[in-house]
């Protein structure tokens, strides 16, 4: 249920920014919110990305 509340907040902020015509903030909300929602729905992906980047750096 927390994810539904998060979606509702993102939609509300998006509508507000749309009416203010703050398109750059709206675009950053879409990109950042999309990444946040992706990692909430698939937390294992964050671990895989961390392992991959750690291997690139040599940690």
N, C-alpha and C. Protein backbone atom coordinates (compact mmCIF):
# COMPACT_ATOMS: atom_id res chain seq x y z
N UNK A 1 0.82 -1.20 0.00
CA UNK A 1 0.00 0.00 0.00
C UNK A 1 0.86 1.25 0.00
N UNK A 2 2.08 1.12 0.49
CA UNK A 2 2.98 2.27 0.48
C UNK A 2 3.35 2.69 -0.93
N UNK A 3 3.46 1.70 -1.83
CA UNK A 3 3.81 2.05 -3.21
C UNK A 3 2.66 2.79 -3.88
N UNK A 4 1.42 2.43 -3.55
CA UNK A 4 0.28 3.15 -4.12
C UNK A 4 0.26 4.59 -3.65
N UNK A 5 0.58 4.80 -2.38
CA UNK A 5 0.65 6.17 -1.86
C UNK A 5 1.75 6.94 -2.56
N UNK A 6 2.87 6.27 -2.83
CA UNK A 6 3.98 6.92 -3.53
C UNK A 6 3.57 7.31 -4.94
N UNK A 7 2.84 6.42 -5.62
CA UNK A 7 2.36 6.74 -6.97
C UNK A 7 1.41 7.94 -6.95
N UNK A 8 0.52 7.97 -5.97
CA UNK A 8 -0.43 9.07 -5.87
C UNK A 8 0.29 10.39 -5.63
N UNK A 9 1.32 10.37 -4.78
CA UNK A 9 2.10 11.59 -4.52
C UNK A 9 2.80 12.04 -5.79
N UNK A 10 3.41 11.10 -6.53
CA UNK A 10 4.10 11.47 -7.77
C UNK A 10 3.13 12.05 -8.79
N UNK A 11 1.95 11.47 -8.91
CA UNK A 11 0.96 11.99 -9.85
C UNK A 11 0.50 13.38 -9.43
N UNK A 12 0.28 13.57 -8.13
CA UNK A 12 -0.13 14.89 -7.64
C UNK A 12 0.92 15.95 -7.89
N UNK A 13 2.18 15.63 -7.62
CA UNK A 13 3.25 16.60 -7.86
C UNK A 13 3.39 16.86 -9.35
N UNK A 14 3.23 15.82 -10.18
CA UNK A 14 3.32 16.00 -11.62
C UNK A 14 2.24 16.92 -12.16
N UNK A 15 1.01 16.76 -11.66
CA UNK A 15 -0.08 17.63 -12.09
C UNK A 15 0.18 19.06 -11.64
N UNK A 16 0.66 19.23 -10.41
CA UNK A 16 0.97 20.57 -9.90
C UNK A 16 2.05 21.25 -10.74
N UNK A 17 3.12 20.50 -11.05
CA UNK A 17 4.19 21.09 -11.86
C UNK A 17 3.72 21.35 -13.29
N UNK A 18 2.80 20.53 -13.78
CA UNK A 18 2.25 20.76 -15.11
C UNK A 18 1.47 22.06 -15.18
N UNK A 19 0.70 22.33 -14.14
CA UNK A 19 -0.06 23.59 -14.11
C UNK A 19 0.84 24.80 -13.92
N UNK A 20 1.97 24.62 -13.22
CA UNK A 20 2.91 25.72 -13.04
C UNK A 20 3.80 25.92 -14.27
N UNK A 21 3.71 24.99 -15.19
CA UNK A 21 4.54 24.99 -16.40
C UNK A 21 6.03 24.93 -16.06
N UNK A 22 6.35 24.16 -15.05
CA UNK A 22 7.74 23.94 -14.66
C UNK A 22 8.18 22.62 -15.30
N UNK A 23 8.45 22.68 -16.59
CA UNK A 23 8.69 21.45 -17.34
C UNK A 23 10.01 20.78 -16.97
N UNK A 24 11.02 21.56 -16.60
CA UNK A 24 12.29 20.93 -16.24
C UNK A 24 12.15 20.16 -14.93
N UNK A 25 11.44 20.74 -13.96
CA UNK A 25 11.20 20.02 -12.71
C UNK A 25 10.33 18.79 -12.96
N UNK A 26 9.37 18.91 -13.86
CA UNK A 26 8.50 17.78 -14.18
C UNK A 26 9.31 16.64 -14.80
N UNK A 27 10.22 17.00 -15.71
CA UNK A 27 11.05 15.97 -16.35
C UNK A 27 11.96 15.29 -15.33
N UNK A 28 12.53 16.07 -14.42
CA UNK A 28 13.40 15.46 -13.41
C UNK A 28 12.58 14.61 -12.44
N UNK A 29 11.34 15.00 -12.16
CA UNK A 29 10.46 14.18 -11.32
C UNK A 29 10.15 12.85 -12.00
N UNK A 30 9.90 12.88 -13.29
CA UNK A 30 9.59 11.66 -14.02
C UNK A 30 10.80 10.72 -14.03
N UNK A 31 11.98 11.26 -14.31
CA UNK A 31 13.18 10.41 -14.38
C UNK A 31 13.55 9.88 -12.99
N UNK A 32 13.62 10.78 -12.02
CA UNK A 32 13.98 10.36 -10.66
C UNK A 32 12.93 9.47 -10.03
N UNK A 33 11.67 9.81 -10.22
CA UNK A 33 10.60 8.99 -9.68
C UNK A 33 10.54 7.62 -10.33
N UNK A 34 10.80 7.59 -11.63
CA UNK A 34 10.82 6.30 -12.33
C UNK A 34 11.92 5.39 -11.81
N UNK A 35 13.10 5.96 -11.58
CA UNK A 35 14.20 5.17 -11.02
C UNK A 35 13.87 4.70 -9.61
N UNK A 36 13.30 5.58 -8.81
CA UNK A 36 12.94 5.22 -7.43
C UNK A 36 11.90 4.10 -7.41
N UNK A 37 10.88 4.22 -8.23
CA UNK A 37 9.83 3.19 -8.27
C UNK A 37 10.40 1.88 -8.79
N UNK A 38 11.31 1.94 -9.76
CA UNK A 38 11.93 0.72 -10.28
C UNK A 38 12.68 -0.02 -9.18
N UNK A 39 13.46 0.72 -8.39
CA UNK A 39 14.25 0.07 -7.35
C UNK A 39 13.40 -0.37 -6.17
N UNK A 40 12.24 0.27 -5.95
CA UNK A 40 11.33 -0.21 -4.91
C UNK A 40 10.68 -1.52 -5.34
N UNK A 41 10.32 -1.62 -6.61
CA UNK A 41 9.67 -2.84 -7.10
C UNK A 41 10.65 -3.98 -7.31
N UNK A 42 11.90 -3.68 -7.63
CA UNK A 42 12.90 -4.72 -7.87
C UNK A 42 14.18 -4.39 -7.09
N UNK A 43 14.18 -4.64 -5.77
CA UNK A 43 15.37 -4.29 -4.98
C UNK A 43 16.59 -5.13 -5.32
N UNK A 44 16.40 -6.32 -5.92
CA UNK A 44 17.55 -7.14 -6.30
C UNK A 44 18.35 -6.50 -7.43
N UNK A 45 17.71 -5.66 -8.23
CA UNK A 45 18.41 -5.00 -9.32
C UNK A 45 19.47 -4.05 -8.78
N UNK A 46 19.19 -3.40 -7.66
CA UNK A 46 20.16 -2.48 -7.06
C UNK A 46 21.39 -3.25 -6.60
N UNK A 47 21.20 -4.44 -6.05
CA UNK A 47 22.32 -5.27 -5.61
C UNK A 47 23.16 -5.71 -6.81
N UNK A 48 22.49 -6.08 -7.89
CA UNK A 48 23.20 -6.51 -9.10
C UNK A 48 24.00 -5.36 -9.70
N UNK A 49 23.41 -4.17 -9.73
CA UNK A 49 24.12 -3.00 -10.27
C UNK A 49 25.32 -2.66 -9.39
N UNK A 50 25.15 -2.74 -8.07
CA UNK A 50 26.27 -2.48 -7.15
C UNK A 50 27.39 -3.47 -7.33
N UNK A 51 27.06 -4.73 -7.52
CA UNK A 51 28.08 -5.76 -7.75
C UNK A 51 28.81 -5.50 -9.07
N UNK A 52 28.06 -5.13 -10.10
CA UNK A 52 28.67 -4.85 -11.40
C UNK A 52 29.62 -3.66 -11.32
N UNK A 53 29.16 -2.56 -10.69
CA UNK A 53 30.01 -1.38 -10.58
C UNK A 53 31.21 -1.64 -9.69
N UNK A 54 31.03 -2.44 -8.65
CA UNK A 54 32.16 -2.82 -7.80
C UNK A 54 33.20 -3.62 -8.56
N UNK A 55 32.74 -4.48 -9.46
CA UNK A 55 33.67 -5.24 -10.28
C UNK A 55 34.42 -4.36 -11.26
N UNK A 56 33.77 -3.33 -11.78
CA UNK A 56 34.44 -2.40 -12.69
C UNK A 56 35.53 -1.62 -11.98
N UNK A 57 35.24 -1.18 -10.76
CA UNK A 57 36.20 -0.37 -10.01
C UNK A 57 37.29 -1.26 -9.43
N UNK A 58 36.98 -2.52 -9.21
CA UNK A 58 37.96 -3.45 -8.67
C UNK A 58 37.92 -3.54 -7.17
N UNK A 59 36.73 -3.37 -6.59
CA UNK A 59 36.60 -3.47 -5.14
C UNK A 59 36.32 -4.90 -4.73
